[in-house]
Amino acid sequence: MRLTNFLLFYKHYKKVPGLLYEGKNRIVHKITEKMKHRAVRDMLTQQRNIQLLSKPYLTEEQEFGHMRDSGKEWEQYQERRRKRQESRALPPHTTTEQHLEHLNHTKAWE
């Protein structure tokens, strides 16, 4: 049974110099109907996305300052933005002595 499976389903690739899937002697995959349908579907999706992006929902006049009308949400947005900028700030400069200062508490003077 195993010999039959091997002989029926084993796909023997010819020995090619170099890489199997690149170059002059590469193994070329056959294009199936499923691959064609998938490519057409992807192209239609891209076309639909381009159409949607070409027509904005808001005009430029409506878009300008539209968050300010929400009031409290605008303040929350500003607060989150301020916190994010503060978190980006670098920590204060410290020296090696300050980092190792906690090791000095066991030193005893004679």
PDB file of N, CA and C in Angstrom:
ATOM      1  N   MET A   1       0.823  -1.191   0.000  1.00  0.00           N
ATOM      2  CA  MET A   1       0.000   0.000   0.000  1.00  0.00           C
ATOM      3  C   MET A   1       0.866   1.254   0.000  1.00  0.00           C
ATOM      4  N   ARG A   2       1.892   1.262   0.828  1.00  0.00           N
ATOM      5  CA  ARG A   2       2.757   2.430   0.876  1.00  0.00           C
ATOM      6  C   ARG A   2       3.508   2.604  -0.440  1.00  0.00           C
ATOM      7  N   LEU A   3       3.890   1.524  -1.051  1.00  0.00           N
ATOM      8  CA  LEU A   3       4.574   1.596  -2.329  1.00  0.00           C
ATOM      9  C   LEU A   3       3.642   2.183  -3.391  1.00  0.00           C
ATOM     10  N   THR A   4       2.366   1.806  -3.359  1.00  0.00           N
ATOM     11  CA  THR A   4       1.403   2.344  -4.306  1.00  0.00           C
ATOM     12  C   THR A   4       1.221   3.844  -4.099  1.00  0.00           C
ATOM     13  N   ASN A   5       1.076   4.258  -2.825  1.00  0.00           N
ATOM     14  CA  ASN A   5       0.958   5.692  -2.539  1.00  0.00           C
ATOM     15  C   ASN A   5       2.184   6.442  -3.026  1.00  0.00           C
ATOM     16  N   PHE A   6       3.330   5.872  -2.797  1.00  0.00           N
ATOM     17  CA  PHE A   6       4.561   6.529  -3.216  1.00  0.00           C
ATOM     18  C   PHE A   6       4.619   6.650  -4.734  1.00  0.00           C
ATOM     19  N   LEU A   7       4.291   5.574  -5.428  1.00  0.00           N
ATOM     20  CA  LEU A   7       4.394   5.597  -6.878  1.00  0.00           C
ATOM     21  C   LEU A   7       3.320   6.468  -7.529  1.00  0.00           C
ATOM     22  N   LEU A   8       2.151   6.545  -6.926  1.00  0.00           N
ATOM     23  CA  LEU A   8       1.073   7.324  -7.525  1.00  0.00           C
ATOM     24  C   LEU A   8       1.159   8.813  -7.218  1.00  0.00           C
ATOM     25  N   PHE A   9       1.552   9.142  -5.993  1.00  0.00           N
ATOM     26  CA  PHE A   9       1.446  10.533  -5.558  1.00  0.00           C
ATOM     27  C   PHE A   9       2.785  11.246  -5.397  1.00  0.00           C
ATOM     28  N   TYR A  10       3.872  10.571  -5.584  1.00  0.00           N
ATOM     29  CA  TYR A  10       5.181  11.203  -5.479  1.00  0.00           C
ATOM     30  C   TYR A  10       5.444  11.990  -6.751  1.00  0.00           C
ATOM     31  N   LYS A  11       5.737  13.265  -6.581  1.00  0.00           N
ATOM     32  CA  LYS A  11       6.030  14.097  -7.745  1.00  0.00           C
ATOM     33  C   LYS A  11       7.537  14.253  -7.819  1.00  0.00           C
ATOM     34  N   HIS A  12       8.134  13.657  -8.793  1.00  0.00           N
ATOM     35  CA  HIS A  12       9.582  13.691  -8.939  1.00  0.00           C
ATOM     36  C   HIS A  12       9.984  14.937  -9.725  1.00  0.00           C
ATOM     37  N   TYR A  13      10.805  15.733  -9.095  1.00  0.00           N
ATOM     38  CA  TYR A  13      11.319  16.921  -9.763  1.00  0.00           C
ATOM     39  C   TYR A  13      12.659  16.569 -10.382  1.00  0.00           C
ATOM     40  N   LYS A  14      12.856  17.051 -11.574  1.00  0.00           N
ATOM     41  CA  LYS A  14      14.153  16.813 -12.204  1.00  0.00           C
ATOM     42  C   LYS A  14      15.222  17.590 -11.452  1.00  0.00           C
ATOM     43  N   LYS A  15      16.388  17.109 -11.515  1.00  0.00           N
ATOM     44  CA  LYS A  15      17.489  17.791 -10.843  1.00  0.00           C
ATOM     45  C   LYS A  15      17.893  18.983 -11.702  1.00  0.00           C
ATOM     46  N   VAL A  16      17.712  20.162 -11.146  1.00  0.00           N
ATOM     47  CA  VAL A  16      18.068  21.365 -11.885  1.00  0.00           C
ATOM     48  C   VAL A  16      19.239  22.026 -11.178  1.00  0.00           C
ATOM     49  N   PRO A  17      20.100  22.656 -11.930  1.00  0.00           N
ATOM     50  CA  PRO A  17      21.185  23.380 -11.286  1.00  0.00           C
ATOM     51  C   PRO A  17      20.645  24.636 -10.611  1.00  0.00           C
ATOM     52  N   GLY A  18      21.037  24.871  -9.403  1.00  0.00           N
ATOM     53  CA  GLY A  18      20.604  26.090  -8.719  1.00  0.00           C
ATOM     54  C   GLY A  18      19.289  25.891  -7.992  1.00  0.00           C
ATOM     55  N   LEU A  19      18.493  26.965  -7.968  1.00  0.00           N
ATOM     56  CA  LEU A  19      17.245  26.963  -7.223  1.00  0.00           C
ATOM     57  C   LEU A  19      16.106  26.400  -8.059  1.00  0.00           C
ATOM     58  N   LEU A  20      15.165  25.683  -7.414  1.00  0.00           N
ATOM     59  CA  LEU A  20      14.060  25.058  -8.127  1.00  0.00           C
ATOM     60  C   LEU A  20      13.058  26.067  -8.681  1.00  0.00           C
ATOM     61  N   TYR A  21      12.862  27.185  -7.990  1.00  0.00           N
ATOM     62  CA  TYR A  21      11.796  28.107  -8.358  1.00  0.00           C
ATOM     63  C   TYR A  21      12.310  29.432  -8.916  1.00  0.00           C
ATOM     64  N   GLU A  22      13.572  29.519  -9.271  1.00  0.00           N
ATOM     65  CA  GLU A  22      14.128  30.741  -9.847  1.00  0.00           C
ATOM     66  C   GLU A  22      15.053  30.392 -10.991  1.00  0.00           C
ATOM     67  N   GLY A  23      15.181  31.287 -11.917  1.00  0.00           N
ATOM     68  CA  GLY A  23      16.140  31.116 -12.997  1.00  0.00           C
ATOM     69  C   GLY A  23      15.558  30.484 -14.246  1.00  0.00           C
ATOM     70  N   LYS A  24      16.448  30.159 -15.166  1.00  0.00           N
ATOM     71  CA  LYS A  24      16.056  29.640 -16.473  1.00  0.00           C
ATOM     72  C   LYS A  24      15.399  28.265 -16.373  1.00  0.00           C
ATOM     73  N   ASN A  25      15.908  27.384 -15.557  1.00  0.00           N
ATOM     74  CA  ASN A  25      15.422  26.010 -15.467  1.00  0.00           C
ATOM     75  C   ASN A  25      14.475  25.790 -14.290  1.00  0.00           C
ATOM     76  N   ARG A  26      13.716  26.819 -13.933  1.00  0.00           N
ATOM     77  CA  ARG A  26      12.846  26.703 -12.769  1.00  0.00           C
ATOM     78  C   ARG A  26      11.624  25.839 -13.071  1.00  0.00           C
ATOM     79  N   ILE A  27      10.981  25.397 -12.001  1.00  0.00           N
ATOM     80  CA  ILE A  27       9.741  24.637 -12.117  1.00  0.00           C
ATOM     81  C   ILE A  27       8.600  25.649 -12.120  1.00  0.00           C
ATOM     82  N   VAL A  28       7.824  25.677 -13.172  1.00  0.00           N
ATOM     83  CA  VAL A  28       6.750  26.644 -13.324  1.00  0.00           C
ATOM     84  C   VAL A  28       5.444  25.995 -12.896  1.00  0.00           C
ATOM     85  N   HIS A  29       4.733  26.641 -11.987  1.00  0.00           N
ATOM     86  CA  HIS A  29       3.460  26.113 -11.527  1.00  0.00           C
ATOM     87  C   HIS A  29       2.378  26.403 -12.557  1.00  0.00           C
ATOM     88  N   LYS A  30       1.475  25.464 -12.725  1.00  0.00           N
ATOM     89  CA  LYS A  30       0.369  25.652 -13.654  1.00  0.00           C
ATOM     90  C   LYS A  30      -0.667  26.578 -13.021  1.00  0.00           C
ATOM     91  N   ILE A  31      -1.211  27.480 -13.816  1.00  0.00           N
ATOM     92  CA  ILE A  31      -2.224  28.406 -13.337  1.00  0.00           C
ATOM     93  C   ILE A  31      -3.577  27.719 -13.430  1.00  0.00           C
ATOM     94  N   THR A  32      -4.272  27.654 -12.299  1.00  0.00           N
ATOM     95  CA  THR A  32      -5.555  26.968 -12.240  1.00  0.00           C
ATOM     96  C   THR A  32      -6.691  27.985 -12.319  1.00  0.00           C
ATOM     97  N   GLU A  33      -7.905  27.488 -12.461  1.00  0.00           N
ATOM     98  CA  GLU A  33      -9.085  28.355 -12.492  1.00  0.00           C
ATOM     99  C   GLU A  33      -9.254  29.084 -11.167  1.00  0.00           C
ATOM    100  N   LYS A  34      -8.946  28.386 -10.086  1.00  0.00           N
ATOM    101  CA  LYS A  34      -9.074  28.999  -8.763  1.00  0.00           C
ATOM    102  C   LYS A  34      -8.138  30.198  -8.636  1.00  0.00           C
ATOM    103  N   MET A  35      -6.927  30.071  -9.154  1.00  0.00           N
ATOM    104  CA  MET A  35      -5.967  31.176  -9.107  1.00  0.00           C
ATOM    105  C   MET A  35      -6.471  32.362  -9.927  1.00  0.00           C
ATOM    106  N   LYS A  36      -7.078  32.074 -11.081  1.00  0.00           N
ATOM    107  CA  LYS A  36      -7.605  33.144 -11.930  1.00  0.00           C
ATOM    108  C   LYS A  36      -8.748  33.870 -11.233  1.00  0.00           C
ATOM    109  N   HIS A  37      -9.660  33.107 -10.616  1.00  0.00           N
ATOM    110  CA  HIS A  37     -10.786  33.722  -9.920  1.00  0.00           C
ATOM    111  C   HIS A  37     -10.306  34.570  -8.743  1.00  0.00           C
ATOM    112  N   ARG A  38      -9.310  34.077  -8.042  1.00  0.00           N
ATOM    113  CA  ARG A  38      -8.778  34.820  -6.909  1.00  0.00           C
ATOM    114  C   ARG A  38      -8.145  36.133  -7.368  1.00  0.00           C
ATOM    115  N   ALA A  39      -7.421  36.101  -8.499  1.00  0.00           N
ATOM    116  CA  ALA A  39      -6.792  37.311  -9.018  1.00  0.00           C
ATOM    117  C   ALA A  39      -7.849  38.324  -9.455  1.00  0.00           C
ATOM    118  N   VAL A  40      -8.896  37.857 -10.119  1.00  0.00           N
ATOM    119  CA  VAL A  40      -9.968  38.762 -10.551  1.00  0.00           C
ATOM    120  C   VAL A  40     -10.666  39.365  -9.337  1.00  0.00           C
ATOM    121  N   ARG A  41     -10.930  38.539  -8.320  1.00  0.00           N
ATOM    122  CA  ARG A  41     -11.577  39.030  -7.103  1.00  0.00           C
ATOM    123  C   ARG A  41     -10.727  40.099  -6.418  1.00  0.00           C
ATOM    124  N   ASP A  42      -9.421  39.878  -6.357  1.00  0.00           N
ATOM    125  CA  ASP A  42      -8.536  40.851  -5.728  1.00  0.00           C
ATOM    126  C   ASP A  42      -8.499  42.155  -6.513  1.00  0.00           C
ATOM    127  N   MET A  43      -8.489  42.062  -7.841  1.00  0.00           N
ATOM    128  CA  MET A  43      -8.490  43.279  -8.653  1.00  0.00           C
ATOM    129  C   MET A  43      -9.787  44.064  -8.485  1.00  0.00           C
ATOM    130  N   LEU A  44     -10.918  43.367  -8.402  1.00  0.00           N
ATOM    131  CA  LEU A  44     -12.193  44.050  -8.190  1.00  0.00           C
ATOM    132  C   LEU A  44     -12.245  44.710  -6.815  1.00  0.00           C
ATOM    133  N   THR A  45     -11.685  44.041  -5.816  1.00  0.00           N
ATOM    134  CA  THR A  45     -11.638  44.621  -4.474  1.00  0.00           C
ATOM    135  C   THR A  45     -10.789  45.885  -4.463  1.00  0.00           C
ATOM    136  N   GLN A  46      -9.652  45.843  -5.129  1.00  0.00           N
ATOM    137  CA  GLN A  46      -8.792  47.024  -5.200  1.00  0.00           C
ATOM    138  C   GLN A  46      -9.485  48.164  -5.937  1.00  0.00           C
ATOM    139  N   GLN A  47     -10.182  47.844  -7.008  1.00  0.00           N
ATOM    140  CA  GLN A  47     -10.893  48.865  -7.768  1.00  0.00           C
ATOM    141  C   GLN A  47     -11.988  49.499  -6.909  1.00  0.00           C
ATOM    142  N   ARG A  48     -12.703  48.680  -6.150  1.00  0.00           N
ATOM    143  CA  ARG A  48     -13.758  49.196  -5.284  1.00  0.00           C
ATOM    144  C   ARG A  48     -13.163  50.087  -4.190  1.00  0.00           C
ATOM    145  N   ASN A  49     -12.040  49.694  -3.631  1.00  0.00           N
ATOM    146  CA  ASN A  49     -11.383  50.514  -2.603  1.00  0.00           C
ATOM    147  C   ASN A  49     -10.950  51.852  -3.163  1.00  0.00           C
ATOM    148  N   ILE A  50     -10.417  51.851  -4.373  1.00  0.00           N
ATOM    149  CA  ILE A  50      -9.989  53.105  -5.000  1.00  0.00           C
ATOM    150  C   ILE A  50     -11.184  54.011  -5.242  1.00  0.00           C
ATOM    151  N   GLN A  51     -12.314  53.431  -5.666  1.00  0.00           N
ATOM    152  CA  GLN A  51     -13.518  54.228  -5.871  1.00  0.00           C
ATOM    153  C   GLN A  51     -13.997  54.844  -4.562  1.00  0.00           C
ATOM    154  N   LEU A  52     -13.980  54.068  -3.482  1.00  0.00           N
ATOM    155  CA  LEU A  52     -14.433  54.590  -2.197  1.00  0.00           C
ATOM    156  C   LEU A  52     -13.514  55.691  -1.681  1.00  0.00           C
ATOM    157  N   LEU A  53     -12.214  55.518  -1.873  1.00  0.00           N
ATOM    158  CA  LEU A  53     -11.266  56.513  -1.373  1.00  0.00           C
ATOM    159  C   LEU A  53     -11.259  57.786  -2.212  1.00  0.00           C
ATOM    160  N   SER A  54     -11.688  57.693  -3.471  1.00  0.00           N
ATOM    161  CA  SER A  54     -11.679  58.878  -4.326  1.00  0.00           C
ATOM    162  C   SER A  54     -12.827  59.833  -3.988  1.00  0.00           C
ATOM    163  N   LYS A  55     -13.863  59.344  -3.294  1.00  0.00           N
ATOM    164  CA  LYS A  55     -15.008  60.175  -2.929  1.00  0.00           C
ATOM    165  C   LYS A  55     -15.090  60.237  -1.406  1.00  0.00           C
ATOM    166  N   PRO A  56     -14.517  61.265  -0.772  1.00  0.00           N
ATOM    167  CA  PRO A  56     -14.523  61.327   0.687  1.00  0.00           C
ATOM    168  C   PRO A  56     -15.934  61.553   1.228  1.00  0.00           C
ATOM    169  N   TYR A  57     -16.162  61.056   2.432  1.00  0.00           N
ATOM    170  CA  TYR A  57     -17.468  61.184   3.070  1.00  0.00           C
ATOM    171  C   TYR A  57     -17.730  62.629   3.478  1.00  0.00           C
ATOM    172  N   LEU A  58     -16.709  63.305   3.995  1.00  0.00           N
ATOM    173  CA  LEU A  58     -16.842  64.698   4.417  1.00  0.00           C
ATOM    174  C   LEU A  58     -16.147  65.604   3.420  1.00  0.00           C
ATOM    175  N   THR A  59     -16.691  66.783   3.248  1.00  0.00           N
ATOM    176  CA  THR A  59     -15.992  67.776   2.417  1.00  0.00           C
ATOM    177  C   THR A  59     -14.882  68.378   3.262  1.00  0.00           C
ATOM    178  N   GLU A  60     -14.003  69.132   2.643  1.00  0.00           N
ATOM    179  CA  GLU A  60     -12.890  69.725   3.389  1.00  0.00           C
ATOM    180  C   GLU A  60     -13.402  70.719   4.427  1.00  0.00           C
ATOM    181  N   GLU A  61     -14.479  71.447   4.121  1.00  0.00           N
ATOM    182  CA  GLU A  61     -15.031  72.403   5.079  1.00  0.00           C
ATOM    183  C   GLU A  61     -15.635  71.678   6.282  1.00  0.00           C
ATOM    184  N   GLN A  62     -16.311  70.553   6.036  1.00  0.00           N
ATOM    185  CA  GLN A  62     -16.894  69.786   7.136  1.00  0.00           C
ATOM    186  C   GLN A  62     -15.809  69.105   7.961  1.00  0.00           C
ATOM    187  N   GLU A  63     -14.751  68.685   7.307  1.00  0.00           N
ATOM    188  CA  GLU A  63     -13.690  67.968   8.001  1.00  0.00           C
ATOM    189  C   GLU A  63     -12.909  68.881   8.932  1.00  0.00           C
ATOM    190  N   PHE A  64     -12.752  70.146   8.551  1.00  0.00           N
ATOM    191  CA  PHE A  64     -11.970  71.083   9.360  1.00  0.00           C
ATOM    192  C   PHE A  64     -12.695  71.348  10.681  1.00  0.00           C
ATOM    193  N   GLY A  65     -12.103  70.944  11.791  1.00  0.00           N
ATOM    194  CA  GLY A  65     -12.644  71.206  13.118  1.00  0.00           C
ATOM    195  C   GLY A  65     -13.832  70.345  13.498  1.00  0.00           C
ATOM    196  N   HIS A  66     -14.032  69.232  12.859  1.00  0.00           N
ATOM    197  CA  HIS A  66     -15.205  68.414  13.194  1.00  0.00           C
ATOM    198  C   HIS A  66     -15.095  67.777  14.574  1.00  0.00           C
ATOM    199  N   MET A  67     -13.882  67.601  15.092  1.00  0.00           N
ATOM    200  CA  MET A  67     -13.719  67.017  16.426  1.00  0.00           C
ATOM    201  C   MET A  67     -14.041  68.025  17.519  1.00  0.00           C
ATOM    202  N   ARG A  68     -13.913  69.309  17.233  1.00  0.00           N
ATOM    203  CA  ARG A  68     -14.158  70.314  18.262  1.00  0.00           C
ATOM    204  C   ARG A  68     -15.632  70.373  18.643  1.00  0.00           C
ATOM    205  N   ASP A  69     -16.492  69.975  17.753  1.00  0.00           N
ATOM    206  CA  ASP A  69     -17.920  69.997  18.045  1.00  0.00           C
ATOM    207  C   ASP A  69     -18.300  68.964  19.093  1.00  0.00           C
ATOM    208  N   SER A  70     -17.502  67.939  19.252  1.00  0.00           N
ATOM    209  CA  SER A  70     -17.841  66.880  20.199  1.00  0.00           C
ATOM    210  C   SER A  70     -17.557  67.273  21.637  1.00  0.00           C
ATOM    211  N   GLY A  71     -16.795  68.317  21.887  1.00  0.00           N
ATOM    212  CA  GLY A  71     -16.579  68.842  23.235  1.00  0.00           C
ATOM    213  C   GLY A  71     -15.745  67.928  24.106  1.00  0.00           C
ATOM    214  N   LYS A  72     -16.406  67.089  24.901  1.00  0.00           N
ATOM    215  CA  LYS A  72     -15.716  66.239  25.863  1.00  0.00           C
ATOM    216  C   LYS A  72     -14.776  65.259  25.168  1.00  0.00           C
ATOM    217  N   GLU A  73     -15.212  64.715  24.037  1.00  0.00           N
ATOM    218  CA  GLU A  73     -14.358  63.786  23.304  1.00  0.00           C
ATOM    219  C   GLU A  73     -13.084  64.485  22.823  1.00  0.00           C
ATOM    220  N   TRP A  74     -13.217  65.740  22.440  1.00  0.00           N
ATOM    221  CA  TRP A  74     -12.057  66.505  21.992  1.00  0.00           C
ATOM    222  C   TRP A  74     -11.063  66.672  23.145  1.00  0.00           C
ATOM    223  N   GLU A  75     -11.579  66.955  24.344  1.00  0.00           N
ATOM    224  CA  GLU A  75     -10.696  67.100  25.506  1.00  0.00           C
ATOM    225  C   GLU A  75     -10.010  65.781  25.836  1.00  0.00           C
ATOM    226  N   GLN A  76     -10.749  64.674  25.734  1.00  0.00           N
ATOM    227  CA  GLN A  76     -10.145  63.365  25.993  1.00  0.00           C
ATOM    228  C   GLN A  76      -9.074  63.057  24.962  1.00  0.00           C
ATOM    229  N   TYR A  77      -9.324  63.420  23.730  1.00  0.00           N
ATOM    230  CA  TYR A  77      -8.331  63.212  22.675  1.00  0.00           C
ATOM    231  C   TYR A  77      -7.069  64.022  22.967  1.00  0.00           C
ATOM    232  N   GLN A  78      -7.264  65.285  23.374  1.00  0.00           N
ATOM    233  CA  GLN A  78      -6.111  66.125  23.688  1.00  0.00           C
ATOM    234  C   GLN A  78      -5.331  65.560  24.871  1.00  0.00           C
ATOM    235  N   GLU A  79      -6.024  65.022  25.870  1.00  0.00           N
ATOM    236  CA  GLU A  79      -5.365  64.441  27.044  1.00  0.00           C
ATOM    237  C   GLU A  79      -4.550  63.201  26.663  1.00  0.00           C
ATOM    238  N   ARG A  80      -5.143  62.322  25.838  1.00  0.00           N
ATOM    239  CA  ARG A  80      -4.408  61.136  25.382  1.00  0.00           C
ATOM    240  C   ARG A  80      -3.186  61.537  24.571  1.00  0.00           C
ATOM    241  N   ARG A  81      -3.333  62.556  23.753  1.00  0.00           N
ATOM    242  CA  ARG A  81      -2.215  63.025  22.927  1.00  0.00           C
ATOM    243  C   ARG A  81      -1.101  63.586  23.807  1.00  0.00           C
ATOM    244  N   ARG A  82      -1.478  64.358  24.851  1.00  0.00           N
ATOM    245  CA  ARG A  82      -0.480  64.932  25.748  1.00  0.00           C
ATOM    246  C   ARG A  82       0.267  63.834  26.501  1.00  0.00           C
ATOM    247  N   LYS A  83      -0.467  62.816  26.981  1.00  0.00           N
ATOM    248  CA  LYS A  83       0.173  61.713  27.700  1.00  0.00           C
ATOM    249  C   LYS A  83       1.112  60.934  26.788  1.00  0.00           C
ATOM    250  N   ARG A  84       0.707  60.754  25.555  1.00  0.00           N
ATOM    251  CA  ARG A  84       1.548  60.027  24.610  1.00  0.00           C
ATOM    252  C   ARG A  84       2.844  60.803  24.341  1.00  0.00           C
ATOM    253  N   GLN A  85       2.745  62.121  24.233  1.00  0.00           N
ATOM    254  CA  GLN A  85       3.951  62.918  24.019  1.00  0.00           C
ATOM    255  C   GLN A  85       4.849  62.907  25.246  1.00  0.00           C
ATOM    256  N   GLU A  86       4.247  62.908  26.435  1.00  0.00           N
ATOM    257  CA  GLU A  86       5.051  62.854  27.658  1.00  0.00           C
ATOM    258  C   GLU A  86       5.771  61.516  27.787  1.00  0.00           C
ATOM    259  N   SER A  87       5.110  60.444  27.371  1.00  0.00           N
ATOM    260  CA  SER A  87       5.741  59.131  27.482  1.00  0.00           C
ATOM    261  C   SER A  87       6.901  58.982  26.503  1.00  0.00           C
ATOM    262  N   ARG A  88       6.879  59.767  25.439  1.00  0.00           N
ATOM    263  CA  ARG A  88       7.985  59.734  24.483  1.00  0.00           C
ATOM    264  C   ARG A  88       9.220  60.457  25.008  1.00  0.00           C
ATOM    265  N   ALA A  89       9.032  61.309  26.002  1.00  0.00           N
ATOM    266  CA  ALA A  89      10.146  62.088  26.527  1.00  0.00           C
ATOM    267  C   ALA A  89      11.209  61.160  27.111  1.00  0.00           C
ATOM    268  N   LEU A  90      12.446  61.569  26.976  1.00  0.00           N
ATOM    269  CA  LEU A  90      13.554  60.769  27.494  1.00  0.00           C
ATOM    270  C   LEU A  90      13.610  60.867  29.011  1.00  0.00           C
ATOM    271  N   PRO A  91      14.066  59.824  29.689  1.00  0.00           N
ATOM    272  CA  PRO A  91      14.208  59.893  31.144  1.00  0.00           C
ATOM    273  C   PRO A  91      15.329  60.868  31.504  1.00  0.00           C
ATOM    274  N   PRO A  92      15.333  61.363  32.741  1.00  0.00           N
ATOM    275  CA  PRO A  92      16.374  62.322  33.125  1.00  0.00           C
ATOM    276  C   PRO A  92      17.763  61.683  33.086  1.00  0.00           C
ATOM    277  N   HIS A  93      18.759  62.494  32.827  1.00  0.00           N
ATOM    278  CA  HIS A  93      20.125  62.003  32.755  1.00  0.00           C
ATOM    279  C   HIS A  93      20.601  61.586  34.145  1.00  0.00           C
ATOM    280  N   THR A  94      21.252  60.437  34.225  1.00  0.00           N
ATOM    281  CA  THR A  94      21.802  59.955  35.487  1.00  0.00           C
ATOM    282  C   THR A  94      23.224  59.477  35.235  1.00  0.00           C
ATOM    283  N   THR A  95      23.985  59.460  36.304  1.00  0.00           N
ATOM    284  CA  THR A  95      25.364  59.008  36.200  1.00  0.00           C
ATOM    285  C   THR A  95      25.465  57.571  36.695  1.00  0.00           C
ATOM    286  N   THR A  96      26.605  56.961  36.473  1.00  0.00           N
ATOM    287  CA  THR A  96      26.834  55.605  36.946  1.00  0.00           C
ATOM    288  C   THR A  96      26.835  55.567  38.474  1.00  0.00           C
ATOM    289  N   GLU A  97      27.359  56.624  39.098  1.00  0.00           N
ATOM    290  CA  GLU A  97      27.365  56.679  40.566  1.00  0.00           C
ATOM    291  C   GLU A  97      25.945  56.629  41.122  1.00  0.00           C
ATOM    292  N   GLN A  98      25.033  57.321  40.475  1.00  0.00           N
ATOM    293  CA  GLN A  98      23.641  57.308  40.945  1.00  0.00           C
ATOM    294  C   GLN A  98      23.022  55.923  40.759  1.00  0.00           C
ATOM    295  N   HIS A  99      23.378  55.234  39.709  1.00  0.00           N
ATOM    296  CA  HIS A  99      22.828  53.903  39.488  1.00  0.00           C
ATOM    297  C   HIS A  99      23.351  52.897  40.505  1.00  0.00           C
ATOM    298  N   LEU A 100      24.607  53.057  40.926  1.00  0.00           N
ATOM    299  CA  LEU A 100      25.230  52.099  41.837  1.00  0.00           C
ATOM    300  C   LEU A 100      25.207  52.554  43.290  1.00  0.00           C
ATOM    301  N   GLU A 101      24.520  53.634  43.592  1.00  0.00           N
ATOM    302  CA  GLU A 101      24.490  54.203  44.932  1.00  0.00           C
ATOM    303  C   GLU A 101      23.899  53.237  45.965  1.00  0.00           C
ATOM    304  N   HIS A 102      22.950  52.400  45.573  1.00  0.00           N
ATOM    305  CA  HIS A 102      22.313  51.482  46.510  1.00  0.00           C
ATOM    306  C   HIS A 102      23.279  50.395  47.004  1.00  0.00           C
ATOM    307  N   LEU A 103      24.441  50.242  46.367  1.00  0.00           N
ATOM    308  CA  LEU A 103      25.407  49.238  46.798  1.00  0.00           C
ATOM    309  C   LEU A 103      26.285  49.727  47.945  1.00  0.00           C
ATOM    310  N   ASN A 104      26.255  51.011  48.221  1.00  0.00           N
ATOM    311  CA  ASN A 104      27.144  51.594  49.230  1.00  0.00           C
ATOM    312  C   ASN A 104      26.609  51.476  50.659  1.00  0.00           C
ATOM    313  N   HIS A 105      25.434  50.983  50.890  1.00  0.00           N
ATOM    314  CA  HIS A 105      24.893  50.992  52.263  1.00  0.00           C
ATOM    315  C   HIS A 105      25.548  49.947  53.155  1.00  0.00           C
ATOM    316  N   THR A 106      26.284  49.002  52.605  1.00  0.00           N
ATOM    317  CA  THR A 106      26.952  47.998  53.439  1.00  0.00           C
ATOM    318  C   THR A 106      28.410  48.331  53.727  1.00  0.00           C
ATOM    319  N   LYS A 107      28.902  49.416  53.217  1.00  0.00           N
ATOM    320  CA  LYS A 107      30.297  49.802  53.481  1.00  0.00           C
ATOM    321  C   LYS A 107      30.417  50.281  54.928  1.00  0.00           C
ATOM    322  N   ALA A 108      31.384  49.730  55.612  1.00  0.00           N
ATOM    323  CA  ALA A 108      31.607  50.127  57.011  1.00  0.00           C
ATOM    324  C   ALA A 108      32.970  50.790  57.110  1.00  0.00           C
ATOM    325  N   TRP A 109      33.013  51.887  57.905  1.00  0.00           N
ATOM    326  CA  TRP A 109      34.282  52.566  58.129  1.00  0.00           C
ATOM    327  C   TRP A 109      34.929  51.985  59.371  1.00  0.00           C
ATOM    328  N   GLU A 110      36.239  51.823  59.325  1.00  0.00           N
ATOM    329  CA  GLU A 110      36.949  51.245  60.459  1.00  0.00           C
ATOM    330  C   GLU A 110      37.354  52.289  61.464  1.00  0.00           C
TER     331      GLU A 110
END
